[in-house]
Amino acid sequence: MTITETLANNRGDLETKLRNLLAKPVFLIEADAFALPCGCKGTTINTRGLQYDDLEIFEGHINEYLKTTSESLEIEPSFLFARVVPGTSEIASLNSRVLCNRCYMDFARGTGKRPRPDIYILSFTRRD
């Protein structure tokens, strides 16, 4: 199976799981794999219909679904987070990232679920 076929299948599976969990229309409009110039790599899944309250209430389930999706794409799910549209309760994307050393240090210094107004951390694995 190609990476695009895997992304397409995973996007659809995750969308179905979220719709069933939340009992409302949630759309995952795009799933992308990326490699950033800093060295970070991972996946971003753009969303519509997912709200901040959904994350707070169903965080354990959403975290597990995103972790499973990441692992099936051979992405170590060491940093899972949602990007929040600032000033709203709308979730713009779900993200799984393998952090470069610089970005790891930026997030490792932070505390809590919201180190920035646009980030909601679902899972962050600290390095030894």
N, C-alpha and C. Protein backbone atom coordinates (compact mmCIF):
# COMPACT_ATOMS: atom_id res chain seq x y z
N MET A 1 0.85 -1.19 0.00
CA MET A 1 0.00 0.00 0.00
C MET A 1 0.89 1.25 0.00
N THR A 2 0.55 2.23 -0.81
CA THR A 2 1.34 3.47 -0.88
C THR A 2 1.03 4.36 0.31
N ILE A 3 1.88 5.37 0.53
CA ILE A 3 1.65 6.29 1.64
C ILE A 3 0.35 7.08 1.45
N THR A 4 0.02 7.41 0.21
CA THR A 4 -1.23 8.15 -0.01
C THR A 4 -2.45 7.27 0.26
N GLU A 5 -2.36 6.00 -0.10
CA GLU A 5 -3.47 5.09 0.22
C GLU A 5 -3.61 4.90 1.73
N THR A 6 -2.48 4.77 2.42
CA THR A 6 -2.51 4.63 3.87
C THR A 6 -3.08 5.88 4.53
N LEU A 7 -2.65 7.06 4.07
CA LEU A 7 -3.20 8.31 4.60
C LEU A 7 -4.70 8.39 4.38
N ALA A 8 -5.15 8.04 3.19
CA ALA A 8 -6.58 8.10 2.87
C ALA A 8 -7.38 7.14 3.75
N ASN A 9 -6.89 5.92 3.91
CA ASN A 9 -7.58 4.96 4.76
C ASN A 9 -7.63 5.41 6.22
N ASN A 10 -6.50 5.90 6.71
CA ASN A 10 -6.43 6.34 8.11
C ASN A 10 -7.31 7.56 8.36
N ARG A 11 -7.33 8.48 7.40
CA ARG A 11 -8.19 9.65 7.54
C ARG A 11 -9.65 9.22 7.67
N GLY A 12 -10.08 8.34 6.80
CA GLY A 12 -11.47 7.86 6.83
C GLY A 12 -11.79 7.10 8.10
N ASP A 13 -10.89 6.22 8.54
CA ASP A 13 -11.11 5.46 9.78
C ASP A 13 -11.21 6.38 10.99
N LEU A 14 -10.30 7.36 11.08
CA LEU A 14 -10.32 8.28 12.21
C LEU A 14 -11.58 9.13 12.19
N GLU A 15 -12.00 9.59 11.03
CA GLU A 15 -13.22 10.38 10.92
C GLU A 15 -14.43 9.58 11.41
N THR A 16 -14.52 8.33 11.01
CA THR A 16 -15.63 7.47 11.44
C THR A 16 -15.61 7.27 12.96
N LYS A 17 -14.43 7.01 13.52
CA LYS A 17 -14.32 6.83 14.97
C LYS A 17 -14.75 8.09 15.72
N LEU A 18 -14.31 9.26 15.25
CA LEU A 18 -14.67 10.51 15.93
C LEU A 18 -16.17 10.79 15.81
N ARG A 19 -16.75 10.55 14.66
CA ARG A 19 -18.20 10.75 14.49
C ARG A 19 -18.99 9.84 15.42
N ASN A 20 -18.58 8.58 15.51
CA ASN A 20 -19.27 7.64 16.40
C ASN A 20 -19.10 8.02 17.86
N LEU A 21 -17.90 8.43 18.23
CA LEU A 21 -17.61 8.81 19.62
C LEU A 21 -18.40 10.05 20.03
N LEU A 22 -18.38 11.07 19.18
CA LEU A 22 -18.98 12.36 19.52
C LEU A 22 -20.45 12.46 19.14
N ALA A 23 -20.93 11.53 18.32
CA ALA A 23 -22.33 11.53 17.86
C ALA A 23 -22.70 12.85 17.20
N LYS A 24 -21.79 13.33 16.36
CA LYS A 24 -22.05 14.56 15.59
C LYS A 24 -21.16 14.55 14.36
N PRO A 25 -21.50 15.38 13.38
CA PRO A 25 -20.66 15.40 12.17
C PRO A 25 -19.31 16.07 12.42
N VAL A 26 -18.28 15.30 12.29
CA VAL A 26 -16.90 15.78 12.35
C VAL A 26 -16.29 15.44 11.00
N PHE A 27 -15.63 16.39 10.41
CA PHE A 27 -15.02 16.18 9.10
C PHE A 27 -13.51 16.32 9.21
N LEU A 28 -12.81 15.33 8.69
CA LEU A 28 -11.36 15.41 8.59
C LEU A 28 -11.08 15.66 7.11
N ILE A 29 -10.87 16.94 6.81
CA ILE A 29 -10.87 17.35 5.40
C ILE A 29 -9.56 17.11 4.67
N GLU A 30 -8.48 16.91 5.41
CA GLU A 30 -7.19 16.68 4.76
C GLU A 30 -6.24 16.03 5.74
N ALA A 31 -5.49 15.06 5.28
CA ALA A 31 -4.45 14.42 6.08
C ALA A 31 -3.14 14.55 5.31
N ASP A 32 -2.14 15.08 5.97
CA ASP A 32 -0.84 15.31 5.33
C ASP A 32 0.29 14.73 6.17
N ALA A 33 1.28 14.17 5.51
CA ALA A 33 2.54 13.82 6.15
C ALA A 33 3.52 14.95 5.83
N PHE A 34 4.40 15.28 6.78
CA PHE A 34 5.31 16.40 6.54
C PHE A 34 6.69 16.15 7.14
N ALA A 35 7.65 16.91 6.64
CA ALA A 35 9.01 16.99 7.18
C ALA A 35 9.38 18.46 7.15
N LEU A 36 9.63 19.04 8.31
CA LEU A 36 9.93 20.47 8.43
C LEU A 36 11.43 20.74 8.34
N PRO A 37 11.81 21.95 7.94
CA PRO A 37 13.24 22.29 7.84
C PRO A 37 13.99 22.14 9.16
N CYS A 38 13.29 22.33 10.29
CA CYS A 38 13.95 22.23 11.60
C CYS A 38 14.31 20.79 11.95
N GLY A 39 13.65 19.82 11.30
CA GLY A 39 13.89 18.41 11.59
C GLY A 39 12.67 17.68 12.14
N CYS A 40 11.63 18.41 12.51
CA CYS A 40 10.39 17.77 12.95
C CYS A 40 9.73 17.07 11.77
N LYS A 41 9.03 15.98 12.07
CA LYS A 41 8.28 15.28 11.03
C LYS A 41 7.04 14.66 11.66
N GLY A 42 6.02 14.40 10.83
CA GLY A 42 4.81 13.82 11.37
C GLY A 42 3.64 13.94 10.43
N THR A 43 2.46 14.07 11.02
CA THR A 43 1.24 14.18 10.25
C THR A 43 0.33 15.25 10.85
N THR A 44 -0.41 15.91 9.98
CA THR A 44 -1.42 16.90 10.36
C THR A 44 -2.73 16.50 9.70
N ILE A 45 -3.80 16.52 10.49
CA ILE A 45 -5.12 16.19 9.97
C ILE A 45 -6.03 17.39 10.23
N ASN A 46 -6.39 18.10 9.17
CA ASN A 46 -7.24 19.28 9.30
C ASN A 46 -8.68 18.86 9.59
N THR A 47 -9.31 19.56 10.53
CA THR A 47 -10.64 19.17 11.01
C THR A 47 -11.66 20.29 10.85
N ARG A 48 -12.92 19.88 10.83
CA ARG A 48 -14.06 20.79 10.92
C ARG A 48 -15.09 20.10 11.81
N GLY A 49 -15.67 20.84 12.72
CA GLY A 49 -16.72 20.30 13.58
C GLY A 49 -16.23 19.77 14.92
N LEU A 50 -14.93 19.76 15.13
CA LEU A 50 -14.35 19.31 16.40
C LEU A 50 -14.13 20.54 17.28
N GLN A 51 -14.56 20.46 18.52
CA GLN A 51 -14.51 21.59 19.44
C GLN A 51 -13.58 21.31 20.62
N TYR A 52 -13.14 22.37 21.26
CA TYR A 52 -12.27 22.28 22.43
C TYR A 52 -12.91 21.41 23.52
N ASP A 53 -14.20 21.59 23.75
CA ASP A 53 -14.90 20.79 24.76
C ASP A 53 -14.84 19.30 24.44
N ASP A 54 -14.89 18.96 23.16
CA ASP A 54 -14.79 17.56 22.76
C ASP A 54 -13.46 16.97 23.21
N LEU A 55 -12.40 17.74 23.08
CA LEU A 55 -11.07 17.27 23.51
C LEU A 55 -11.04 17.06 25.02
N GLU A 56 -11.56 18.01 25.76
CA GLU A 56 -11.53 17.90 27.22
C GLU A 56 -12.32 16.70 27.71
N ILE A 57 -13.47 16.46 27.13
CA ILE A 57 -14.35 15.38 27.58
C ILE A 57 -13.86 14.02 27.12
N PHE A 58 -13.44 13.92 25.86
CA PHE A 58 -13.08 12.64 25.26
C PHE A 58 -11.58 12.52 24.98
N GLU A 59 -10.77 13.23 25.73
CA GLU A 59 -9.34 13.27 25.47
C GLU A 59 -8.70 11.88 25.42
N GLY A 60 -9.04 11.01 26.34
CA GLY A 60 -8.46 9.67 26.36
C GLY A 60 -8.73 8.90 25.09
N HIS A 61 -9.97 8.95 24.61
CA HIS A 61 -10.34 8.25 23.39
C HIS A 61 -9.67 8.87 22.17
N ILE A 62 -9.72 10.20 22.07
CA ILE A 62 -9.13 10.89 20.92
C ILE A 62 -7.63 10.66 20.88
N ASN A 63 -6.99 10.70 22.04
CA ASN A 63 -5.56 10.45 22.15
C ASN A 63 -5.23 9.04 21.63
N GLU A 64 -6.01 8.05 22.05
CA GLU A 64 -5.77 6.67 21.61
C GLU A 64 -5.99 6.51 20.11
N TYR A 65 -7.06 7.12 19.58
CA TYR A 65 -7.32 7.05 18.14
C TYR A 65 -6.19 7.67 17.33
N LEU A 66 -5.72 8.84 17.78
CA LEU A 66 -4.65 9.53 17.06
C LEU A 66 -3.34 8.75 17.17
N LYS A 67 -3.10 8.16 18.32
CA LYS A 67 -1.90 7.34 18.52
C LYS A 67 -1.91 6.15 17.56
N THR A 68 -3.03 5.46 17.46
CA THR A 68 -3.16 4.32 16.57
C THR A 68 -2.96 4.73 15.12
N THR A 69 -3.56 5.86 14.74
CA THR A 69 -3.41 6.38 13.39
C THR A 69 -1.93 6.67 13.10
N SER A 70 -1.25 7.29 14.04
CA SER A 70 0.18 7.62 13.88
C SER A 70 1.02 6.37 13.71
N GLU A 71 0.79 5.40 14.57
CA GLU A 71 1.57 4.17 14.51
C GLU A 71 1.39 3.45 13.18
N SER A 72 0.19 3.48 12.63
CA SER A 72 -0.04 2.81 11.35
C SER A 72 0.66 3.52 10.20
N LEU A 73 1.05 4.78 10.42
CA LEU A 73 1.82 5.54 9.43
C LEU A 73 3.32 5.50 9.75
N GLU A 74 3.70 4.66 10.72
CA GLU A 74 5.08 4.51 11.16
C GLU A 74 5.66 5.82 11.71
N ILE A 75 4.80 6.57 12.39
CA ILE A 75 5.20 7.81 13.07
C ILE A 75 5.16 7.54 14.57
N GLU A 76 6.31 7.72 15.22
CA GLU A 76 6.36 7.53 16.66
C GLU A 76 5.48 8.60 17.31
N PRO A 77 4.41 8.19 17.99
CA PRO A 77 3.48 9.19 18.54
C PRO A 77 3.97 9.79 19.86
N SER A 78 5.12 10.47 19.81
CA SER A 78 5.69 11.02 21.03
C SER A 78 5.14 12.40 21.38
N PHE A 79 4.53 13.08 20.43
CA PHE A 79 3.92 14.39 20.68
C PHE A 79 2.64 14.48 19.87
N LEU A 80 1.53 14.38 20.57
CA LEU A 80 0.21 14.48 19.96
C LEU A 80 -0.45 15.75 20.47
N PHE A 81 -0.98 16.55 19.54
CA PHE A 81 -1.61 17.79 19.97
C PHE A 81 -2.67 18.23 18.98
N ALA A 82 -3.51 19.13 19.45
CA ALA A 82 -4.52 19.75 18.59
C ALA A 82 -4.16 21.21 18.44
N ARG A 83 -4.39 21.74 17.26
CA ARG A 83 -4.20 23.17 17.03
C ARG A 83 -5.57 23.82 17.13
N VAL A 84 -5.67 24.79 18.04
CA VAL A 84 -6.91 25.51 18.31
C VAL A 84 -6.88 26.82 17.55
N VAL A 85 -8.01 27.18 16.93
CA VAL A 85 -8.11 28.49 16.28
C VAL A 85 -8.17 29.52 17.42
N PRO A 86 -7.15 30.39 17.56
CA PRO A 86 -7.11 31.33 18.68
C PRO A 86 -8.39 32.18 18.79
N GLY A 87 -8.86 32.33 20.01
CA GLY A 87 -10.05 33.12 20.28
C GLY A 87 -11.36 32.38 20.05
N THR A 88 -11.26 31.09 19.69
CA THR A 88 -12.46 30.28 19.46
C THR A 88 -12.31 28.95 20.19
N SER A 89 -13.33 28.13 20.10
CA SER A 89 -13.24 26.77 20.64
C SER A 89 -13.10 25.74 19.52
N GLU A 90 -12.85 26.21 18.30
CA GLU A 90 -12.74 25.36 17.12
C GLU A 90 -11.36 24.73 17.04
N ILE A 91 -11.32 23.41 16.80
CA ILE A 91 -10.06 22.71 16.60
C ILE A 91 -9.76 22.70 15.10
N ALA A 92 -8.63 23.26 14.73
CA ALA A 92 -8.24 23.35 13.32
C ALA A 92 -7.60 22.07 12.82
N SER A 93 -6.83 21.38 13.69
CA SER A 93 -6.16 20.17 13.25
C SER A 93 -5.75 19.30 14.42
N LEU A 94 -5.59 18.03 14.13
CA LEU A 94 -4.99 17.06 15.04
C LEU A 94 -3.63 16.73 14.47
N ASN A 95 -2.62 16.64 15.34
CA ASN A 95 -1.24 16.52 14.88
C ASN A 95 -0.48 15.46 15.66
N SER A 96 0.36 14.75 14.95
CA SER A 96 1.30 13.81 15.54
C SER A 96 2.67 14.20 15.03
N ARG A 97 3.60 14.39 15.95
CA ARG A 97 4.90 14.91 15.54
C ARG A 97 6.03 14.22 16.28
N VAL A 98 7.09 13.94 15.53
CA VAL A 98 8.36 13.55 16.11
C VAL A 98 9.17 14.84 16.13
N LEU A 99 9.46 15.33 17.32
CA LEU A 99 10.09 16.64 17.48
C LEU A 99 11.60 16.60 17.26
N CYS A 100 12.11 17.64 16.60
CA CYS A 100 13.55 17.83 16.51
C CYS A 100 14.04 18.26 17.90
N ASN A 101 15.34 18.30 18.10
CA ASN A 101 15.88 18.64 19.42
C ASN A 101 15.48 20.04 19.87
N ARG A 102 15.52 21.02 18.96
CA ARG A 102 15.18 22.39 19.34
C ARG A 102 13.71 22.52 19.74
N CYS A 103 12.83 21.96 18.94
CA CYS A 103 11.39 22.05 19.25
C CYS A 103 11.05 21.23 20.48
N TYR A 104 11.75 20.11 20.67
CA TYR A 104 11.54 19.32 21.89
C TYR A 104 11.82 20.18 23.11
N MET A 105 12.94 20.89 23.09
CA MET A 105 13.31 21.73 24.24
C MET A 105 12.28 22.84 24.47
N ASP A 106 11.72 23.41 23.41
CA ASP A 106 10.70 24.44 23.55
C ASP A 106 9.49 23.90 24.30
N PHE A 107 9.03 22.71 23.93
CA PHE A 107 7.85 22.13 24.57
C PHE A 107 8.18 21.51 25.92
N ALA A 108 9.39 20.98 26.10
CA ALA A 108 9.77 20.36 27.37
C ALA A 108 9.83 21.39 28.49
N ARG A 109 10.13 22.64 28.16
CA ARG A 109 10.16 23.71 29.17
C ARG A 109 8.77 24.15 29.59
N GLY A 110 7.78 23.92 28.74
CA GLY A 110 6.42 24.35 29.03
C GLY A 110 5.74 23.45 30.04
N THR A 111 4.60 23.93 30.54
CA THR A 111 3.81 23.14 31.48
C THR A 111 2.34 23.21 31.09
N GLY A 112 1.60 22.20 31.50
CA GLY A 112 0.16 22.19 31.28
C GLY A 112 -0.23 21.78 29.87
N LYS A 113 -1.53 21.74 29.66
CA LYS A 113 -2.11 21.33 28.38
C LYS A 113 -2.04 22.43 27.32
N ARG A 114 -1.93 23.69 27.76
CA ARG A 114 -1.97 24.82 26.82
C ARG A 114 -0.72 25.69 26.95
N PRO A 115 0.42 25.22 26.43
CA PRO A 115 1.64 26.03 26.53
C PRO A 115 1.57 27.30 25.69
N ARG A 116 0.69 27.28 24.68
CA ARG A 116 0.42 28.45 23.83
C ARG A 116 -1.08 28.47 23.58
N PRO A 117 -1.63 29.64 23.23
CA PRO A 117 -3.08 29.72 23.01
C PRO A 117 -3.59 28.87 21.86
N ASP A 118 -2.71 28.51 20.94
CA ASP A 118 -3.15 27.73 19.77
C ASP A 118 -2.86 26.23 19.88
N ILE A 119 -2.34 25.77 21.03
CA ILE A 119 -1.94 24.37 21.20
C ILE A 119 -2.67 23.76 22.39
N TYR A 120 -3.22 22.56 22.17
CA TYR A 120 -3.77 21.73 23.26
C TYR A 120 -3.02 20.40 23.18
N ILE A 121 -2.21 20.10 24.18
CA ILE A 121 -1.40 18.89 24.17
C ILE A 121 -2.23 17.70 24.62
N LEU A 122 -2.29 16.69 23.76
CA LEU A 122 -2.95 15.44 24.08
C LEU A 122 -1.97 14.48 24.75
N SER A 123 -0.74 14.44 24.25
CA SER A 123 0.28 13.54 24.80
C SER A 123 1.66 14.08 24.46
N PHE A 124 2.54 14.07 25.46
CA PHE A 124 3.93 14.50 25.26
C PHE A 124 4.83 13.54 26.01
N THR A 125 5.64 12.78 25.27
CA THR A 125 6.55 11.82 25.89
C THR A 125 7.89 12.49 26.10
N ARG A 126 8.28 12.57 27.35
CA ARG A 126 9.57 13.18 27.67
C ARG A 126 10.69 12.20 27.41
N ARG A 127 11.80 12.73 26.92
CA ARG A 127 12.98 11.91 26.65
C ARG A 127 13.77 11.73 27.93
N ASP A 128 14.53 10.64 27.99
CA ASP A 128 15.40 10.39 29.17
C ASP A 128 16.63 11.22 29.13
